Amino acid sequence: MEEGKKKRKPLSASFVTGAIALVFLIIGYEVAVFIHKAAVTRIEANRDHPDTVYVYVNETPGQAGGDEIISVMPGPDRASHTIIRKNAQHSPVVEAVRARSRRVESFSFNPNTVSVEDLQRLGFSEKQALSIDNYRQKGGRFRRKEDFAKSYVVADSVYDRLEPFIVIPKLDINKADSTALLDLPGIGPYFAGKIVSYRTSLRGYSAPEQLMEIYHFDREKFDGLKDLITCSAPEPYPIWTLSEDKLSKHPHISRAEAHSIVIYREHHTPSECTLEGLRKAGTLSEEHAGKLSLCKLQSAATP
């Protein structure tokens, strides 16, 4: 019965040799491809441009191409020295490697100015980052952190991680021009112009609440934007040194009150020249005294 069994023929030496050679050929090919890719990447990396920092000197520093302004400092020549983080362009090979090996990071950023590359560093895909940038290029703006959360490419989990790092600077109503003011909710060309012209009359806002002194600028409108604005300190209003004519140009000082202020300060010591002193002397109306109390006034004792 055993003799009836069909005997298996042993593999020929040539077949075994050929199989082993094929395995080594495949391994060799994979190793060669890997070494080639690694060599190309190394060569590209060696001649690639790293991210760098440039310093610009400009009276009116600008921003373009996704560059992120780090700081603006006045120089000794009164020009503005602007430090900008500029993302250099990389070769496609290096970009592909960077994309594959990119680690998700969390760092402070302004969603209105952060570059596409930095959005990817924050965890967004290239497509998502370009979508955010396209929204900005079309005039879109993130006024509040919550606005960034509403973007359809920002998942709730991503927003929860990034929320502590979102920094959207408030608009300084003492420095913003009428174009910048248009970004505020409820502010069109009319109110943007009024804010600028009233600022000129006051010689600078001393408190954001002074916006409600503008005709038809009510509490509802103010509440809709008060968390988006700030007010840098203006130069103190020189109420104790201006001429009668110039005093009368202030929105809270009438012509008669300007005349009375000049007479008052001529007959009182610097220590007596105060807003409260003017009010008690009847030089100012209660309404004007109340509104002037919001203004930053120069002390009579200031030389």
Protein backbone atom coordinates (compact mmCIF):
# COMPACT_ATOMS: atom_id res chain seq x y z
CA MET A 1 0.00 0.00 0.00
CA GLU A 2 2.86 2.29 0.77
CA GLU A 3 4.30 1.46 -2.55
CA GLY A 4 1.06 2.66 -4.05
CA LYS A 5 1.43 6.05 -2.62
CA LYS A 6 2.60 8.69 -4.96
CA LYS A 7 5.99 9.94 -3.96
CA ARG A 8 6.53 13.74 -3.84
CA LYS A 9 9.26 14.97 -6.00
CA PRO A 10 11.84 17.13 -4.18
CA LEU A 11 12.19 20.74 -5.29
CA SER A 12 14.91 21.20 -7.73
CA ALA A 13 17.98 23.14 -6.68
CA SER A 14 17.45 25.63 -9.50
CA PHE A 15 13.92 26.42 -8.30
CA VAL A 16 15.05 27.00 -4.73
CA THR A 17 17.91 29.14 -5.91
CA GLY A 18 15.57 31.17 -8.13
CA ALA A 19 13.05 31.70 -5.29
CA ILE A 20 15.73 32.90 -2.91
CA ALA A 21 17.14 35.19 -5.56
CA LEU A 22 13.66 36.65 -6.19
CA VAL A 23 13.14 37.34 -2.47
CA PHE A 24 16.49 39.09 -2.23
CA LEU A 25 15.70 41.02 -5.41
CA ILE A 26 12.42 42.31 -3.93
CA ILE A 27 14.09 43.23 -0.64
CA GLY A 28 16.93 44.90 -2.50
CA TYR A 29 14.49 46.90 -4.60
CA GLU A 30 12.57 48.12 -1.52
CA VAL A 31 15.80 49.06 0.22
CA ALA A 32 17.00 50.90 -2.87
CA VAL A 33 13.74 52.86 -3.12
CA PHE A 34 13.90 53.75 0.56
CA ILE A 35 17.52 54.87 0.31
CA HIS A 36 16.74 56.89 -2.80
CA LYS A 37 13.83 58.68 -1.14
CA ALA A 38 15.87 59.32 1.99
CA ALA A 39 18.76 60.67 -0.08
CA VAL A 40 16.49 62.97 -2.11
CA THR A 41 14.82 64.22 1.06
CA ARG A 42 18.18 64.85 2.70
CA ILE A 43 19.44 66.78 -0.33
CA GLU A 44 16.25 68.84 -0.49
CA ALA A 45 16.35 69.48 3.24
CA ASN A 46 19.96 70.65 3.09
CA ARG A 47 19.17 73.27 0.50
CA ASP A 48 15.71 74.13 1.81
CA HIS A 49 14.93 77.50 3.39
CA PRO A 50 14.02 77.47 7.07
CA ASP A 51 11.32 79.66 8.53
CA THR A 52 12.93 82.95 9.38
CA VAL A 53 12.26 86.35 10.94
CA TYR A 54 12.61 89.65 9.14
CA VAL A 55 12.67 93.15 10.58
CA TYR A 56 11.04 95.91 8.56
CA VAL A 57 11.27 99.64 9.16
CA ASN A 58 8.16 101.36 7.94
CA GLU A 59 6.05 104.33 9.03
CA THR A 60 2.90 102.33 8.40
CA PRO A 61 3.78 98.64 8.74
CA GLY A 62 1.60 96.29 6.75
CA GLN A 63 1.08 92.59 6.44
CA ALA A 64 0.85 90.35 3.42
CA GLY A 65 1.12 86.78 2.29
CA GLY A 66 0.07 85.25 5.61
CA ASP A 67 2.97 86.81 7.50
CA GLU A 68 2.32 87.14 11.21
CA ILE A 69 3.19 90.42 12.92
CA ILE A 70 5.00 89.66 16.16
CA SER A 71 5.48 93.19 17.49
CA VAL A 72 5.61 96.82 16.46
CA MET A 73 7.99 99.09 18.34
CA PRO A 74 8.80 102.76 17.82
CA GLY A 75 12.44 103.30 16.93
CA PRO A 76 14.72 106.23 17.74
CA ASP A 77 14.02 107.70 14.33
CA ARG A 78 10.26 107.63 15.10
CA ALA A 79 9.72 104.97 12.45
CA SER A 80 7.94 101.76 13.37
CA HIS A 81 10.16 98.68 13.60
CA THR A 82 7.94 95.74 12.77
CA ILE A 83 9.10 92.20 13.52
CA ILE A 84 7.34 89.75 11.23
CA ARG A 85 7.45 85.96 11.27
CA LYS A 86 7.58 85.02 7.61
CA ASN A 87 7.04 81.45 6.43
CA ALA A 88 9.53 80.63 3.67
CA GLN A 89 8.49 78.52 0.69
CA HIS A 90 9.68 74.91 0.75
CA SER A 91 10.24 72.39 -2.01
CA PRO A 92 7.41 69.90 -2.73
CA VAL A 93 9.51 67.02 -1.41
CA VAL A 94 10.14 68.73 1.92
CA GLU A 95 6.53 69.89 2.17
CA ALA A 96 5.35 66.29 1.67
CA VAL A 97 7.65 65.04 4.43
CA ARG A 98 6.63 67.89 6.73
CA ALA A 99 2.95 67.07 6.12
CA ARG A 100 3.43 63.39 6.96
CA SER A 101 5.47 64.06 10.06
CA ARG A 102 3.60 67.16 11.22
CA ARG A 103 2.75 67.16 14.90
CA VAL A 104 -0.37 68.88 16.18
CA GLU A 105 0.63 71.93 18.19
CA SER A 106 -1.17 74.46 20.35
CA PHE A 107 0.09 78.04 20.49
CA SER A 108 -1.34 81.56 20.65
CA PHE A 109 -2.76 82.77 17.34
CA ASN A 110 -5.08 85.35 15.83
CA PRO A 111 -7.50 83.54 13.48
CA ASN A 112 -7.70 86.68 11.34
CA THR A 113 -3.97 86.75 10.55
CA VAL A 114 -2.54 83.28 11.21
CA SER A 115 -0.88 81.78 8.13
CA VAL A 116 -2.12 78.69 6.27
CA GLU A 117 0.99 76.79 7.34
CA ASP A 118 0.47 77.64 10.99
CA LEU A 119 -3.17 76.57 10.74
CA GLN A 120 -1.86 73.17 9.69
CA ARG A 121 0.52 73.19 12.64
CA LEU A 122 -2.54 73.76 14.81
CA GLY A 123 -4.07 70.55 13.50
CA PHE A 124 -6.06 71.57 10.41
CA SER A 125 -5.62 69.78 7.11
CA GLU A 126 -4.33 71.78 4.16
CA LYS A 127 -7.85 71.83 2.69
CA GLN A 128 -9.34 73.11 5.94
CA ALA A 129 -6.62 75.74 6.34
CA LEU A 130 -7.17 76.98 2.78
CA SER A 131 -10.92 77.13 3.43
CA ILE A 132 -10.35 79.40 6.45
CA ASP A 133 -7.96 81.56 4.45
CA ASN A 134 -10.43 81.77 1.55
CA TYR A 135 -13.10 83.03 3.97
CA ARG A 136 -10.74 85.78 5.13
CA GLN A 137 -9.70 86.68 1.59
CA LYS A 138 -13.36 87.28 0.74
CA GLY A 139 -13.70 89.78 3.58
CA GLY A 140 -14.75 87.44 6.36
CA ARG A 141 -13.58 88.25 9.87
CA PHE A 142 -13.63 86.52 13.22
CA ARG A 143 -14.67 89.20 15.71
CA ARG A 144 -14.98 86.87 18.68
CA LYS A 145 -13.66 83.44 19.59
CA GLU A 146 -17.15 82.04 19.12
CA ASP A 147 -17.11 83.16 15.47
CA PHE A 148 -14.15 80.87 14.83
CA ALA A 149 -16.04 78.00 16.43
CA LYS A 150 -18.91 78.53 13.97
CA SER A 151 -16.69 77.81 10.96
CA TYR A 152 -17.79 74.51 9.46
CA VAL A 153 -14.17 73.24 9.25
CA VAL A 154 -13.58 73.76 12.99
CA ALA A 155 -14.72 70.68 14.88
CA ASP A 156 -15.96 71.09 18.45
CA SER A 157 -13.08 69.00 19.79
CA VAL A 158 -10.54 71.15 17.91
CA TYR A 159 -12.11 74.37 19.16
CA ASP A 160 -12.15 73.12 22.75
CA ARG A 161 -8.40 72.48 22.49
CA LEU A 162 -7.57 75.79 20.77
CA GLU A 163 -9.98 78.14 22.58
CA PRO A 164 -7.48 79.13 25.32
CA PHE A 165 -4.92 80.04 22.63
CA ILE A 166 -7.14 82.25 20.45
CA VAL A 167 -6.12 85.90 20.72
CA ILE A 168 -8.19 88.50 18.86
CA PRO A 169 -6.91 92.01 19.64
CA LYS A 170 -9.55 94.56 20.53
CA LEU A 171 -9.97 97.58 18.27
CA ASP A 172 -8.57 100.78 19.75
CA ILE A 173 -11.15 103.49 19.06
CA ASN A 174 -8.50 106.17 19.56
CA LYS A 175 -6.33 104.78 16.76
CA ALA A 176 -8.65 103.02 14.34
CA ASP A 177 -9.54 104.73 11.09
CA SER A 178 -13.02 104.69 9.60
CA THR A 179 -12.25 101.60 7.49
CA ALA A 180 -11.19 99.55 10.53
CA LEU A 181 -14.29 100.69 12.42
CA LEU A 182 -16.47 99.15 9.73
CA ASP A 183 -15.48 95.72 11.08
CA LEU A 184 -17.48 96.38 14.23
CA PRO A 185 -21.05 95.00 14.30
CA GLY A 186 -23.70 97.63 13.65
CA ILE A 187 -21.19 100.20 12.38
CA GLY A 188 -21.64 101.40 8.83
CA PRO A 189 -20.00 104.30 6.99
CA TYR A 190 -22.19 106.87 8.80
CA PHE A 191 -21.26 105.86 12.35
CA ALA A 192 -17.65 105.11 11.39
CA GLY A 193 -17.31 108.70 10.22
CA LYS A 194 -19.10 110.04 13.31
CA ILE A 195 -16.82 108.08 15.64
CA VAL A 196 -13.74 109.59 14.00
CA SER A 197 -15.10 113.15 13.88
CA TYR A 198 -16.32 113.03 17.50
CA ARG A 199 -12.93 111.70 18.56
CA THR A 200 -11.35 114.75 16.96
CA SER A 201 -13.73 117.07 18.83
CA LEU A 202 -12.93 115.40 22.15
CA ARG A 203 -9.22 115.25 21.36
CA GLY A 204 -9.42 111.54 21.99
CA TYR A 205 -11.82 109.23 23.80
CA SER A 206 -11.13 108.80 27.50
CA ALA A 207 -13.64 105.94 27.92
CA PRO A 208 -15.46 103.66 25.45
CA GLU A 209 -18.79 104.78 26.94
CA GLN A 210 -18.30 108.18 25.32
CA LEU A 211 -19.44 106.60 22.06
CA MET A 212 -22.99 106.83 23.43
CA GLU A 213 -22.67 110.63 23.35
CA ILE A 214 -22.86 110.40 19.56
CA TYR A 215 -26.34 111.15 18.23
CA HIS A 216 -28.38 107.94 17.83
CA PHE A 217 -25.56 105.78 19.24
CA ASP A 218 -27.69 104.10 21.91
CA ARG A 219 -27.00 101.58 24.67
CA GLU A 220 -28.10 98.64 22.50
CA LYS A 221 -25.58 99.52 19.81
CA PHE A 222 -22.84 100.01 22.41
CA ASP A 223 -23.58 96.70 24.17
CA GLY A 224 -23.28 94.93 20.81
CA LEU A 225 -19.63 95.91 20.42
CA LYS A 226 -18.25 96.93 23.82
CA ASP A 227 -16.38 93.63 24.24
CA LEU A 228 -14.61 94.21 20.92
CA ILE A 229 -13.13 97.64 21.60
CA THR A 230 -10.60 99.27 23.86
CA CYS A 231 -9.56 102.86 24.48
CA SER A 232 -5.93 103.87 24.80
CA ALA A 233 -5.26 106.85 27.04
CA PRO A 234 -5.49 110.16 25.13
CA GLU A 235 -3.40 113.24 25.81
CA PRO A 236 -4.96 115.14 28.75
CA TYR A 237 -7.26 117.91 27.58
CA PRO A 238 -5.55 121.26 28.52
CA ILE A 239 -8.67 122.91 29.88
CA TRP A 240 -6.63 125.32 32.06
CA THR A 241 -4.41 126.67 29.31
CA LEU A 242 -6.49 126.82 26.13
CA SER A 243 -7.87 130.10 24.87
CA GLU A 244 -11.56 130.91 25.13
CA ASP A 245 -12.05 130.32 21.41
CA LYS A 246 -10.46 126.86 21.51
CA LEU A 247 -12.30 125.88 24.68
CA SER A 248 -15.63 126.65 23.02
CA LYS A 249 -14.89 124.08 20.32
CA HIS A 250 -15.10 121.24 22.85
CA PRO A 251 -18.49 119.45 22.54
CA HIS A 252 -19.15 119.85 26.29
CA ILE A 253 -18.15 123.50 26.69
CA SER A 254 -20.40 126.25 25.38
CA ARG A 255 -19.15 129.68 24.33
CA ALA A 256 -20.44 131.21 27.58
CA GLU A 257 -18.87 128.44 29.65
CA ALA A 258 -15.54 128.88 27.87
CA HIS A 259 -15.58 132.59 28.78
CA SER A 260 -16.42 131.76 32.42
CA ILE A 261 -13.62 129.15 32.63
CA VAL A 262 -11.04 131.75 31.54
CA ILE A 263 -12.29 134.21 34.17
CA TYR A 264 -12.39 131.47 36.85
CA ARG A 265 -8.82 130.34 36.32
CA GLU A 266 -7.58 133.95 36.34
CA HIS A 267 -8.99 134.44 39.85
CA HIS A 268 -8.19 131.10 41.45
CA THR A 269 -5.03 129.28 42.45
CA PRO A 270 -4.00 126.12 40.56
CA SER A 271 -5.14 123.96 43.47
CA GLU A 272 -8.63 125.46 43.20
CA CYS A 273 -8.81 124.91 39.45
CA THR A 274 -10.68 121.60 39.32
CA LEU A 275 -13.74 120.31 37.55
CA GLU A 276 -15.57 120.20 40.87
CA GLY A 277 -14.58 123.81 41.50
CA LEU A 278 -16.06 124.84 38.14
CA ARG A 279 -19.25 122.97 38.90
CA LYS A 280 -19.68 124.51 42.36
CA ALA A 281 -19.05 127.98 40.96
CA GLY A 282 -21.82 127.47 38.43
CA THR A 283 -19.33 127.87 35.59
CA LEU A 284 -20.46 124.59 34.02
CA SER A 285 -23.92 123.11 33.68
CA GLU A 286 -24.54 119.83 35.51
CA GLU A 287 -24.87 118.06 32.16
CA HIS A 288 -21.56 119.35 30.82
CA ALA A 289 -19.81 118.80 34.15
CA GLY A 290 -21.00 115.17 34.12
CA LYS A 291 -19.79 114.56 30.59
CA LEU A 292 -16.46 116.27 31.19
CA SER A 293 -15.95 114.00 34.19
CA LEU A 294 -15.44 111.15 31.70
CA CYS A 295 -12.71 113.10 29.92
CA LYS A 296 -9.08 112.97 30.92
CA LEU A 297 -8.31 116.58 31.89
CA GLN A 298 -4.94 118.12 32.44
CA SER A 299 -4.24 119.24 35.99
CA ALA A 300 -3.90 123.00 36.54
CA ALA A 301 -0.69 122.30 38.45
CA THR A 302 0.88 120.64 35.38
CA PRO A 303 3.45 123.03 33.87
